[in-house]
């Protein structure tokens, strides 16, 4: 499958998975395309579409927790941030992903 077809297939799959979890694709179309492209490259190299912003440690149990979409594994953190780590997905009520914090108040210690 060529990279463009694979990006389209991943987008269709992720749409079905993240919606019921309360998330959607970022409204930043350029960012979404870039991140999907990175996932396709990671999938070509490793066999699975890992999150493009998390390190692969070659620890299967740990690495499987960063296969996109990894929302179920990191739900508490992502709900606090209203986005996933790389920003491919945001809560359904988010219209301006640039306004979202990178670290939650709880993680900073202000909670």
Foldseek 3Di string as FASTA:
>chain_A
DDLVVQLVVVQVVLQVVCVVVQKHFAPPVVLLVVQSSQQSVVCVVPVARFRNVDDDDVPVVVRVCRGPPNCVVCVVFCVQQQADQSRRMGGPVDDDNVPTDNGGCVRVVND
